[in-house]
Each structure stands twice: as C-alpha cells, then as structure tokens.
C-alpha atoms as a PDB file:
ATOM      1  CA  MET A   1     -11.396  -6.352  23.075  1.00  0.00           C
ATOM      2  CA  ILE A   2     -12.305 -10.051  22.999  1.00  0.00           C
ATOM      3  CA  ALA A   3     -11.292 -10.207  19.336  1.00  0.00           C
ATOM      4  CA  LEU A   4      -7.953  -8.555  20.058  1.00  0.00           C
ATOM      5  CA  SER A   5      -7.343 -10.857  23.029  1.00  0.00           C
ATOM      6  CA  THR A   6      -7.962 -13.928  20.857  1.00  0.00           C
ATOM      7  CA  LEU A   7      -5.468 -12.753  18.243  1.00  0.00           C
ATOM      8  CA  ASP A   8      -2.911 -11.876  20.912  1.00  0.00           C
ATOM      9  CA  TYR A   9      -3.154 -15.308  22.558  1.00  0.00           C
ATOM     10  CA  ALA A  10      -2.698 -17.066  19.208  1.00  0.00           C
ATOM     11  CA  SER A  11       0.313 -14.995  18.162  1.00  0.00           C
ATOM     12  CA  VAL A  12       1.882 -15.200  21.648  1.00  0.00           C
ATOM     13  CA  PHE A  13       1.811 -18.990  21.641  1.00  0.00           C
ATOM     14  CA  VAL A  14       3.267 -19.471  18.161  1.00  0.00           C
ATOM     15  CA  PHE A  15       5.900 -16.757  18.572  1.00  0.00           C
ATOM     16  CA  ALA A  16       6.851 -18.288  21.931  1.00  0.00           C
ATOM     17  CA  LEU A  17       7.457 -21.616  20.195  1.00  0.00           C
ATOM     18  CA  SER A  18       9.749 -19.922  17.683  1.00  0.00           C
ATOM     19  CA  GLY A  19      11.587 -18.112  20.478  1.00  0.00           C
ATOM     20  CA  ALA A  20      12.100 -21.353  22.375  1.00  0.00           C
ATOM     21  CA  LEU A  21      13.447 -23.015  19.228  1.00  0.00           C
ATOM     22  CA  ALA A  22      15.924 -20.145  18.879  1.00  0.00           C
ATOM     23  CA  ALA A  23      16.929 -20.750  22.507  1.00  0.00           C
ATOM     24  CA  SER A  24      17.500 -24.428  21.737  1.00  0.00           C
ATOM     25  CA  ARG A  25      19.837 -23.486  18.893  1.00  0.00           C
ATOM     26  CA  ALA A  26      21.732 -21.250  21.334  1.00  0.00           C
ATOM     27  CA  GLN A  27      21.812 -24.148  23.865  1.00  0.00           C
ATOM     28  CA  LEU A  28      20.336 -22.128  26.736  1.00  0.00           C
ATOM     29  CA  ASP A  29      18.977 -23.490  30.015  1.00  0.00           C
ATOM     30  CA  LEU A  30      15.289 -23.646  30.911  1.00  0.00           C
ATOM     31  CA  VAL A  31      15.257 -20.108  32.305  1.00  0.00           C
ATOM     32  CA  GLY A  32      16.893 -18.891  29.091  1.00  0.00           C
ATOM     33  CA  PHE A  33      14.223 -20.722  27.096  1.00  0.00           C
ATOM     34  CA  ALA A  34      11.466 -18.992  29.057  1.00  0.00           C
ATOM     35  CA  PHE A  35      13.109 -15.580  28.748  1.00  0.00           C
ATOM     36  CA  VAL A  36      13.606 -15.766  24.978  1.00  0.00           C
ATOM     37  CA  ALA A  37      10.152 -17.293  24.435  1.00  0.00           C
ATOM     38  CA  CYS A  38       8.442 -14.555  26.457  1.00  0.00           C
ATOM     39  CA  LEU A  39      10.509 -11.810  24.842  1.00  0.00           C
ATOM     40  CA  THR A  40       9.584 -13.071  21.379  1.00  0.00           C
ATOM     41  CA  ALA A  41       5.959 -13.617  22.296  1.00  0.00           C
ATOM     42  CA  VAL A  42       5.157 -10.255  23.875  1.00  0.00           C
ATOM     43  CA  GLY A  43       7.804  -7.985  22.343  1.00  0.00           C
ATOM     44  CA  GLY A  44       5.720  -6.834  19.401  1.00  0.00           C
ATOM     45  CA  GLY A  45       2.504  -6.376  21.376  1.00  0.00           C
ATOM     46  CA  THR A  46       4.324  -4.504  24.139  1.00  0.00           C
ATOM     47  CA  THR A  47       5.870  -2.079  21.663  1.00  0.00           C
ATOM     48  CA  ARG A  48       2.453  -1.600  20.055  1.00  0.00           C
ATOM     49  CA  ASP A  49       0.709  -0.879  23.361  1.00  0.00           C
ATOM     50  CA  VAL A  50       3.409   1.554  24.505  1.00  0.00           C
ATOM     51  CA  LEU A  51       3.268   3.477  21.226  1.00  0.00           C
ATOM     52  CA  LEU A  52      -0.541   3.558  21.285  1.00  0.00           C
ATOM     53  CA  ASP A  53      -0.531   4.529  24.984  1.00  0.00           C
ATOM     54  CA  ARG A  54      -2.718   1.548  25.852  1.00  0.00           C
ATOM     55  CA  ASN A  55      -2.581   1.210  29.628  1.00  0.00           C
ATOM     56  CA  PRO A  56      -1.916  -1.306  31.026  1.00  0.00           C
ATOM     57  CA  VAL A  57       0.153  -3.237  28.484  1.00  0.00           C
ATOM     58  CA  PHE A  58      -1.766  -6.336  27.390  1.00  0.00           C
ATOM     59  CA  TRP A  59       0.289  -8.952  29.257  1.00  0.00           C
ATOM     60  CA  ILE A  60       0.371  -6.908  32.471  1.00  0.00           C
ATOM     61  CA  ASP A  61      -3.406  -6.685  32.365  1.00  0.00           C
ATOM     62  CA  ALA A  62      -3.633 -10.461  31.717  1.00  0.00           C
ATOM     63  CA  PRO A  63      -0.550 -12.392  32.967  1.00  0.00           C
ATOM     64  CA  GLY A  64      -1.930 -15.512  31.287  1.00  0.00           C
ATOM     65  CA  TYR A  65      -0.001 -14.461  28.188  1.00  0.00           C
ATOM     66  CA  VAL A  66       3.314 -14.860  30.020  1.00  0.00           C
ATOM     67  CA  ILE A  67       2.188 -18.178  31.502  1.00  0.00           C
ATOM     68  CA  LEU A  68       1.254 -19.427  28.031  1.00  0.00           C
ATOM     69  CA  ALA A  69       4.611 -18.350  26.588  1.00  0.00           C
ATOM     70  CA  SER A  70       6.462 -20.008  29.463  1.00  0.00           C
ATOM     71  CA  ALA A  71       4.509 -23.220  28.937  1.00  0.00           C
ATOM     72  CA  ALA A  72       5.502 -23.175  25.273  1.00  0.00           C
ATOM     73  CA  ALA A  73       9.140 -22.766  26.350  1.00  0.00           C
ATOM     74  CA  VAL A  74       8.937 -25.795  28.646  1.00  0.00           C
ATOM     75  CA  LEU A  75       7.309 -27.825  25.879  1.00  0.00           C
ATOM     76  CA  VAL A  76      10.091 -27.013  23.418  1.00  0.00           C
ATOM     77  CA  PHE A  77      12.815 -27.526  26.039  1.00  0.00           C
ATOM     78  CA  PHE A  78      11.824 -31.186  26.388  1.00  0.00           C
ATOM     79  CA  THR A  79      10.965 -31.865  22.741  1.00  0.00           C
ATOM     80  CA  ALA A  80      13.355 -29.771  20.606  1.00  0.00           C
ATOM     81  CA  HIS A  81      15.777 -32.688  20.265  1.00  0.00           C
ATOM     82  CA  LEU A  82      13.099 -34.556  18.311  1.00  0.00           C
ATOM     83  CA  VAL A  83      13.137 -31.928  15.538  1.00  0.00           C
ATOM     84  CA  GLU A  84      15.791 -32.555  12.909  1.00  0.00           C
ATOM     85  CA  TYR A  85      15.701 -29.177  11.172  1.00  0.00           C
ATOM     86  CA  ARG A  86      15.019 -26.670  13.935  1.00  0.00           C
ATOM     87  CA  LEU A  87      15.954 -23.590  11.902  1.00  0.00           C
ATOM     88  CA  ARG A  88      13.481 -24.523   9.174  1.00  0.00           C
ATOM     89  CA  MET A  89      10.732 -25.124  11.747  1.00  0.00           C
ATOM     90  CA  LEU A  90      11.569 -21.812  13.423  1.00  0.00           C
ATOM     91  CA  HIS A  91      11.110 -20.007  10.113  1.00  0.00           C
ATOM     92  CA  TRP A  92       7.780 -21.722   9.453  1.00  0.00           C
ATOM     93  CA  LEU A  93       6.467 -21.040  12.961  1.00  0.00           C
ATOM     94  CA  ASP A  94       7.496 -17.433  12.470  1.00  0.00           C
ATOM     95  CA  ALA A  95       5.650 -17.349   9.147  1.00  0.00           C
ATOM     96  CA  VAL A  96       2.489 -18.655  10.829  1.00  0.00           C
ATOM     97  CA  ALA A  97       2.665 -16.229  13.760  1.00  0.00           C
ATOM     98  CA  LEU A  98       3.494 -13.169  11.650  1.00  0.00           C
ATOM     99  CA  PRO A  99       0.079 -12.594   9.995  1.00  0.00           C
ATOM    100  CA  ILE A 100      -1.770 -13.228  13.267  1.00  0.00           C
ATOM    101  CA  ALA A 101       0.353 -10.646  15.063  1.00  0.00           C
ATOM    102  CA  VAL A 102      -0.004  -8.173  12.200  1.00  0.00           C
ATOM    103  CA  ALA A 103      -3.786  -8.533  12.342  1.00  0.00           C
ATOM    104  CA  ALA A 104      -3.696  -8.007  16.128  1.00  0.00           C
ATOM    105  CA  GLY A 105      -1.743  -4.792  15.643  1.00  0.00           C
ATOM    106  CA  VAL A 106      -4.196  -3.532  13.056  1.00  0.00           C
ATOM    107  CA  VAL A 107      -7.200  -4.322  15.262  1.00  0.00           C
ATOM    108  CA  ALA A 108      -5.575  -2.620  18.278  1.00  0.00           C
ATOM    109  CA  ALA A 109      -4.927   0.534  16.262  1.00  0.00           C
ATOM    110  CA  ILE A 110      -8.470   0.563  14.897  1.00  0.00           C
ATOM    111  CA  GLU A 111      -9.905   0.157  18.412  1.00  0.00           C
ATOM    112  CA  THR A 112      -7.960   3.214  19.579  1.00  0.00           C
ATOM    113  CA  GLY A 113      -9.225   5.289  16.655  1.00  0.00           C
ATOM    114  CA  GLN A 114      -5.987   5.586  14.662  1.00  0.00           C
ATOM    115  CA  GLY A 115      -5.812   6.640  11.029  1.00  0.00           C
ATOM    116  CA  PRO A 116      -4.681   4.426   8.146  1.00  0.00           C
ATOM    117  CA  ILE A 117      -0.941   5.184   8.333  1.00  0.00           C
ATOM    118  CA  ILE A 118      -0.620   4.490  12.074  1.00  0.00           C
ATOM    119  CA  THR A 119      -2.889   1.450  11.767  1.00  0.00           C
ATOM    120  CA  VAL A 120      -0.672  -0.113   9.118  1.00  0.00           C
ATOM    121  CA  LEU A 121       2.508   0.756  11.023  1.00  0.00           C
ATOM    122  CA  MET A 122       1.136  -0.807  14.219  1.00  0.00           C
ATOM    123  CA  GLY A 123       0.461  -3.999  12.286  1.00  0.00           C
ATOM    124  CA  VAL A 124       4.071  -4.058  11.078  1.00  0.00           C
ATOM    125  CA  VAL A 125       5.486  -3.280  14.529  1.00  0.00           C
ATOM    126  CA  THR A 126       3.389  -5.948  16.261  1.00  0.00           C
ATOM    127  CA  GLY A 127       4.377  -8.546  13.701  1.00  0.00           C
ATOM    128  CA  CYS A 128       8.100  -7.810  13.453  1.00  0.00           C
ATOM    129  CA  MET A 129       9.388  -6.541  16.791  1.00  0.00           C
ATOM    130  CA  GLY A 130       9.236  -9.822  18.724  1.00  0.00           C
ATOM    131  CA  GLY A 131      11.256 -11.724  16.126  1.00  0.00           C
ATOM    132  CA  LEU A 132      13.748  -8.871  15.906  1.00  0.00           C
ATOM    133  CA  LEU A 133      14.333  -8.949  19.677  1.00  0.00           C
ATOM    134  CA  ARG A 134      14.623 -12.744  19.617  1.00  0.00           C
ATOM    135  CA  ASP A 135      17.337 -12.730  16.975  1.00  0.00           C
ATOM    136  CA  VAL A 136      19.313  -9.903  18.589  1.00  0.00           C
ATOM    137  CA  VAL A 137      19.303 -11.607  22.002  1.00  0.00           C
ATOM    138  CA  CYS A 138      20.322 -14.948  20.457  1.00  0.00           C
ATOM    139  CA  ASN A 139      23.149 -13.254  18.516  1.00  0.00           C
ATOM    140  CA  GLU A 140      21.657 -14.031  15.104  1.00  0.00           C
ATOM    141  CA  VAL A 141      21.356 -11.776  12.078  1.00  0.00           C
ATOM    142  CA  PRO A 142      17.755 -10.531  12.443  1.00  0.00           C
ATOM    143  CA  LEU A 143      15.474 -12.415  10.086  1.00  0.00           C
ATOM    144  CA  VAL A 144      13.633  -9.186   9.326  1.00  0.00           C
ATOM    145  CA  LEU A 145      16.838  -7.736   7.828  1.00  0.00           C
ATOM    146  CA  LYS A 146      18.242 -10.739   5.977  1.00  0.00           C
ATOM    147  CA  GLN A 147      18.898 -10.204   2.293  1.00  0.00           C
ATOM    148  CA  GLY A 148      16.409 -11.948   0.050  1.00  0.00           C
ATOM    149  CA  GLU A 149      13.722 -12.321   2.734  1.00  0.00           C
ATOM    150  CA  LEU A 150      10.210 -10.939   2.351  1.00  0.00           C
ATOM    151  CA  TYR A 151       9.423 -10.223   5.990  1.00  0.00           C
ATOM    152  CA  VAL A 152       8.767  -6.583   6.804  1.00  0.00           C
ATOM    153  CA  SER A 153       7.362  -6.088   3.310  1.00  0.00           C
ATOM    154  CA  ALA A 154       5.067  -9.107   3.797  1.00  0.00           C
ATOM    155  CA  ALA A 155       3.898  -7.668   7.131  1.00  0.00           C
ATOM    156  CA  PHE A 156       3.312  -4.273   5.503  1.00  0.00           C
ATOM    157  CA  ALA A 157       1.274  -5.751   2.651  1.00  0.00           C
ATOM    158  CA  GLY A 158      -0.742  -7.831   5.111  1.00  0.00           C
ATOM    159  CA  ALA A 159      -1.413  -4.798   7.311  1.00  0.00           C
ATOM    160  CA  VAL A 160      -2.671  -2.848   4.302  1.00  0.00           C
ATOM    161  CA  ALA A 161      -4.936  -5.765   3.338  1.00  0.00           C
ATOM    162  CA  ALA A 162      -6.234  -6.020   6.916  1.00  0.00           C
ATOM    163  CA  PHE A 163      -6.974  -2.288   7.048  1.00  0.00           C
ATOM    164  CA  LEU A 164      -8.839  -2.412   3.737  1.00  0.00           C
ATOM    165  CA  ALA A 165     -10.821  -5.421   4.971  1.00  0.00           C
ATOM    166  CA  SER A 166     -11.760  -3.496   8.116  1.00  0.00           C
ATOM    167  CA  LYS A 167     -13.132  -0.692   5.960  1.00  0.00           C
ATOM    168  CA  TRP A 168     -14.988  -3.140   3.752  1.00  0.00           C
ATOM    169  CA  SER A 169     -16.792  -5.111   6.457  1.00  0.00           C
ATOM    170  CA  GLY A 170     -15.291  -4.566   9.911  1.00  0.00           C
ATOM    171  CA  SER A 171     -15.535  -8.293  10.673  1.00  0.00           C
ATOM    172  CA  LEU A 172     -12.636  -9.771  12.634  1.00  0.00           C
ATOM    173  CA  TRP A 173     -12.694 -12.857  10.424  1.00  0.00           C
ATOM    174  CA  HIS A 174     -12.458 -10.796   7.254  1.00  0.00           C
ATOM    175  CA  ILE A 175      -9.561  -8.812   8.706  1.00  0.00           C
ATOM    176  CA  LEU A 176      -7.746 -11.979   9.772  1.00  0.00           C
ATOM    177  CA  ILE A 177      -8.375 -13.830   6.501  1.00  0.00           C
ATOM    178  CA  ALA A 178      -7.164 -10.887   4.404  1.00  0.00           C
ATOM    179  CA  CYS A 179      -4.061 -10.471   6.541  1.00  0.00           C
ATOM    180  CA  VAL A 180      -3.203 -14.182   6.580  1.00  0.00           C
ATOM    181  CA  ALA A 181      -3.805 -14.585   2.857  1.00  0.00           C
ATOM    182  CA  VAL A 182      -1.456 -11.763   1.908  1.00  0.00           C
ATOM    183  CA  THR A 183       1.208 -11.996   4.616  1.00  0.00           C
ATOM    184  CA  PHE A 184       1.584 -15.775   4.699  1.00  0.00           C
ATOM    185  CA  THR A 185       1.524 -16.085   0.904  1.00  0.00           C
ATOM    186  CA  LEU A 186       4.355 -13.578   0.521  1.00  0.00           C
ATOM    187  CA  ARG A 187       6.381 -15.003   3.412  1.00  0.00           C
ATOM    188  CA  ALA A 188       5.967 -18.606   2.275  1.00  0.00           C
ATOM    189  CA  GLY A 189       6.745 -17.635  -1.322  1.00  0.00           C
ATOM    190  CA  SER A 190       9.950 -16.014  -0.119  1.00  0.00           C
ATOM    191  CA  MET A 191      11.020 -19.195   1.690  1.00  0.00           C
ATOM    192  CA  ILE A 192       9.937 -21.681  -0.983  1.00  0.00           C
ATOM    193  CA  PHE A 193      10.430 -19.838  -4.259  1.00  0.00           C
ATOM    194  CA  GLY A 194      12.981 -17.222  -3.250  1.00  0.00           C
ATOM    195  CA  TRP A 195      10.701 -14.230  -3.804  1.00  0.00           C
ATOM    196  CA  SER A 196      12.486 -11.043  -2.790  1.00  0.00           C
ATOM    197  CA  LEU A 197      12.703  -7.337  -3.423  1.00  0.00           C
ATOM    198  CA  PRO A 198      15.639  -5.837  -5.319  1.00  0.00           C
ATOM    199  CA  VAL A 199      18.600  -5.116  -3.053  1.00  0.00           C
ATOM    200  CA  TYR A 200      21.061  -2.267  -3.247  1.00  0.00           C
ATOM    201  CA  LYS A 201      24.369  -3.108  -4.923  1.00  0.00           C
ATOM    202  CA  GLY A 202      27.221  -0.687  -4.513  1.00  0.00           C
ATOM    203  CA  ARG A 203      29.109   0.535  -7.537  1.00  0.00           C
ATOM    204  CA  PRO A 204      32.645   1.947  -7.663  1.00  0.00           C
ATOM    205  CA  PRO A 205      32.739   5.733  -8.039  1.00  0.00           C
ATOM    206  CA  ARG A 206      33.270   7.144 -11.492  1.00  0.00           C
ATOM    207  CA  GLN A 207      36.821   8.165 -12.290  1.00  0.00           C
END
C-alpha cells in the first residue's frame, strides 16, 4: 500500500499541473483551475478504484491528494503566464505523468489479486482517464483520441511491461522502471518523431 500511495502522489501532482495548464488555456478562474486540476489528477485513480471495488476511493481515504492537486493549481495559476508554449508543456507533463499512473494502476490491480488482462486494463484506465476528462471539460479534442498520437497504445504497452516485470521480480522499482521505459519512450517518440499507428482511411464504395 505504501508503494501504491507513492505512485499515486507522484502521478496526482504531475497530472494536476497538466490540468491546471489546460485551465490556463481555457482562461478559467482560480476555482476552475482547482476543479480541472483535481479532476485530471484523481480521475484515473478514481475510475480504477471504483472498477476494482477498492473502498474507500484513494483520495477519500487520504484527502492529501486533493490538497496536493489544489496546490499545483494555485502554483500554475500564478506562473502560467511565464510559460511561452503552454500546450507543448502540457503534452510533456502528460507524458511524464502517464507511465507513473499506468504503473500505479498495475500495482493496484496486482494488490487486489487480479489476473493479467484486468491488471493491464487497470493500468490503461488509470493512465488515460484523467487526461480524457480534462480535455472533455476544457472542450478540447481528447489527446487520447487524436490522430497520429501514441497514447492509449503507449499506456497499454507500458502496462504489459509493468505486469511482466511484476512476474519477473515483484519489485516496485522494476515495475516502475519497465513501465516508464516503455510508455515514455513510445509517447515521446510520438511527439518528437511522429511515431503513430496506421489509421483507418475510408474508401468510396465499389460501383
């Protein structure tokens, strides 16, 4: 539980920063900053805990998560104007938080005795749901669904790597390193080099 709490705190803080940056792009007030930051920060973990029937949900059991996310919102509210390219920073913060959240989802599923399929899916849900909620609330095309972005696929590959690492050694550090190495590499490669999966292209019906 201590290991899971550490991962949750790390992902909550970084995701909260990305949520607050999204709020700055939408020109919200301080309350709006806090709302979007908290939604982004705890959205994935909340969905994970509800699906796994973990009671209470992690941030209800430890309200410090919400306080941390709110503090990140206040920080960004007073400093966002210093960042020239806020969208680029948002994407990079998201890329940093994603593998941490994926690893937290995998660890939570393992601790509740889930099998490999559910464990991997919980990693994907924990990593992706907060950013999805953030983009929907801020009226943006969800980053997880944008054409040419390795996001959900990066989270899936990282969750698989984390699960395999857990079977190999069971060490939290090995799980985290495997997840970060795979997820961040794919996500960063997508942003820098344009790595992507093939997309569907419609064709006119045959005459």
